[in-house]
Amino acid sequence: MNLKSRIEGLEAKMNANKKHVPGLVYWPQGESFEEARERYRRQHGFDLPPDGHVVQLVAVDSSRGGNNRELSPQEFKEACAG
């Protein structure tokens, strides 16, 4: 048995013992947490579990003049548009 087969076997055992729950990822500049939770419910067919994983991505202006400040919702929409 080679290493790749052993790793695949371990991953299969691990996945069989774990229930996978998708996490919620959202940009606060693009939608509120409540809107993100509603999107999660529509996508997955169930509410975000109380212990569900949430990743909040924050858009910043990392240019020299922007000094890593958080973008406003309007700036975020403009940056995404083009």
C-alpha atoms as a PDB file:
ATOM      1  CA  MET A   1       0.000   0.000   0.000  1.00  0.00           C
ATOM      2  CA  ASN A   2       1.483   3.340  -1.016  1.00  0.00           C
ATOM      3  CA  LEU A   3       1.228   6.609   0.884  1.00  0.00           C
ATOM      4  CA  LYS A   4      -1.466   8.045  -1.404  1.00  0.00           C
ATOM      5  CA  SER A   5      -3.724   5.038  -0.792  1.00  0.00           C
ATOM      6  CA  ARG A   6      -3.190   5.237   2.953  1.00  0.00           C
ATOM      7  CA  ILE A   7      -4.077   8.948   3.009  1.00  0.00           C
ATOM      8  CA  GLU A   8      -7.192   8.364   0.888  1.00  0.00           C
ATOM      9  CA  GLY A   9      -8.247   5.561   3.245  1.00  0.00           C
ATOM     10  CA  LEU A  10      -7.789   7.771   6.295  1.00  0.00           C
ATOM     11  CA  GLU A  11      -9.736  10.616   4.658  1.00  0.00           C
ATOM     12  CA  ALA A  12     -12.580   8.234   3.767  1.00  0.00           C
ATOM     13  CA  LYS A  13     -12.784   7.007   7.385  1.00  0.00           C
ATOM     14  CA  MET A  14     -12.670  10.555   8.692  1.00  0.00           C
ATOM     15  CA  ASN A  15     -15.425  11.710   6.308  1.00  0.00           C
ATOM     16  CA  ALA A  16     -17.627   8.742   7.218  1.00  0.00           C
ATOM     17  CA  ASN A  17     -17.470   9.747  10.885  1.00  0.00           C
ATOM     18  CA  LYS A  18     -18.221  13.434  10.364  1.00  0.00           C
ATOM     19  CA  LYS A  19     -21.303  15.288   9.240  1.00  0.00           C
ATOM     20  CA  HIS A  20     -20.301  18.059   6.853  1.00  0.00           C
ATOM     21  CA  VAL A  21     -21.950  21.418   7.434  1.00  0.00           C
ATOM     22  CA  PRO A  22     -21.301  24.166   4.915  1.00  0.00           C
ATOM     23  CA  GLY A  23     -20.009  27.412   6.360  1.00  0.00           C
ATOM     24  CA  LEU A  24     -21.257  30.909   5.736  1.00  0.00           C
ATOM     25  CA  VAL A  25     -18.906  33.321   3.974  1.00  0.00           C
ATOM     26  CA  TYR A  26     -19.953  36.897   3.347  1.00  0.00           C
ATOM     27  CA  TRP A  27     -18.712  40.448   2.750  1.00  0.00           C
ATOM     28  CA  PRO A  28     -20.263  42.829   5.297  1.00  0.00           C
ATOM     29  CA  GLN A  29     -19.938  45.635   2.747  1.00  0.00           C
ATOM     30  CA  GLY A  30     -22.122  43.686   0.319  1.00  0.00           C
ATOM     31  CA  GLU A  31     -24.776  42.266   2.644  1.00  0.00           C
ATOM     32  CA  SER A  32     -25.765  42.259   6.286  1.00  0.00           C
ATOM     33  CA  PHE A  33     -25.308  39.189   8.464  1.00  0.00           C
ATOM     34  CA  GLU A  34     -29.078  38.622   8.400  1.00  0.00           C
ATOM     35  CA  GLU A  35     -29.086  38.765   4.577  1.00  0.00           C
ATOM     36  CA  ALA A  36     -26.167  36.339   4.487  1.00  0.00           C
ATOM     37  CA  ARG A  37     -28.013  33.931   6.799  1.00  0.00           C
ATOM     38  CA  GLU A  38     -31.067  34.096   4.526  1.00  0.00           C
ATOM     39  CA  ARG A  39     -28.876  33.406   1.469  1.00  0.00           C
ATOM     40  CA  TYR A  40     -27.390  30.423   3.337  1.00  0.00           C
ATOM     41  CA  ARG A  41     -30.892  29.088   4.036  1.00  0.00           C
ATOM     42  CA  ARG A  42     -31.901  29.442   0.373  1.00  0.00           C
ATOM     43  CA  GLN A  43     -28.699  27.777  -0.879  1.00  0.00           C
ATOM     44  CA  HIS A  44     -28.614  24.840   1.520  1.00  0.00           C
ATOM     45  CA  GLY A  45     -32.247  24.340   2.474  1.00  0.00           C
ATOM     46  CA  PHE A  46     -31.743  24.756   6.220  1.00  0.00           C
ATOM     47  CA  ASP A  47     -30.852  27.507   8.675  1.00  0.00           C
ATOM     48  CA  LEU A  48     -27.291  28.228   9.717  1.00  0.00           C
ATOM     49  CA  PRO A  49     -26.668  26.031  12.771  1.00  0.00           C
ATOM     50  CA  PRO A  50     -25.975  27.877  16.053  1.00  0.00           C
ATOM     51  CA  ASP A  51     -22.450  26.429  16.016  1.00  0.00           C
ATOM     52  CA  GLY A  52     -22.006  26.920  12.247  1.00  0.00           C
ATOM     53  CA  HIS A  53     -18.810  28.401  10.899  1.00  0.00           C
ATOM     54  CA  VAL A  54     -18.997  32.035   9.761  1.00  0.00           C
ATOM     55  CA  VAL A  55     -16.246  33.771   7.803  1.00  0.00           C
ATOM     56  CA  GLN A  56     -16.547  37.515   7.447  1.00  0.00           C
ATOM     57  CA  LEU A  57     -14.355  38.929   4.682  1.00  0.00           C
ATOM     58  CA  VAL A  58     -13.536  42.605   5.044  1.00  0.00           C
ATOM     59  CA  ALA A  59     -12.559  44.625   1.985  1.00  0.00           C
ATOM     60  CA  VAL A  60      -9.784  47.127   2.598  1.00  0.00           C
ATOM     61  CA  ASP A  61      -7.985  49.712   0.519  1.00  0.00           C
ATOM     62  CA  SER A  62      -4.430  48.433   0.613  1.00  0.00           C
ATOM     63  CA  SER A  63      -3.051  51.092  -1.695  1.00  0.00           C
ATOM     64  CA  ARG A  64      -0.397  53.409  -0.351  1.00  0.00           C
ATOM     65  CA  GLY A  65      -2.917  56.207   0.041  1.00  0.00           C
ATOM     66  CA  GLY A  66      -5.649  53.931   1.410  1.00  0.00           C
ATOM     67  CA  ASN A  67      -3.578  52.905   4.433  1.00  0.00           C
ATOM     68  CA  ASN A  68      -5.508  49.582   4.836  1.00  0.00           C
ATOM     69  CA  ARG A  69      -8.755  51.232   5.861  1.00  0.00           C
ATOM     70  CA  GLU A  70     -12.006  49.308   5.537  1.00  0.00           C
ATOM     71  CA  LEU A  71     -14.036  50.185   2.451  1.00  0.00           C
ATOM     72  CA  SER A  72     -17.526  51.597   2.781  1.00  0.00           C
ATOM     73  CA  PRO A  73     -20.405  49.676   1.143  1.00  0.00           C
ATOM     74  CA  GLN A  74     -20.492  52.238  -1.686  1.00  0.00           C
ATOM     75  CA  GLU A  75     -16.741  51.947  -2.334  1.00  0.00           C
ATOM     76  CA  PHE A  76     -17.047  48.157  -2.256  1.00  0.00           C
ATOM     77  CA  LYS A  77     -19.825  48.192  -4.876  1.00  0.00           C
ATOM     78  CA  GLU A  78     -17.811  50.546  -7.077  1.00  0.00           C
ATOM     79  CA  ALA A  79     -14.729  48.323  -6.791  1.00  0.00           C
ATOM     80  CA  CYS A  80     -16.758  45.225  -7.696  1.00  0.00           C
ATOM     81  CA  ALA A  81     -18.378  46.946 -10.680  1.00  0.00           C
ATOM     82  CA  GLY A  82     -15.178  47.611 -12.503  1.00  0.00           C
END
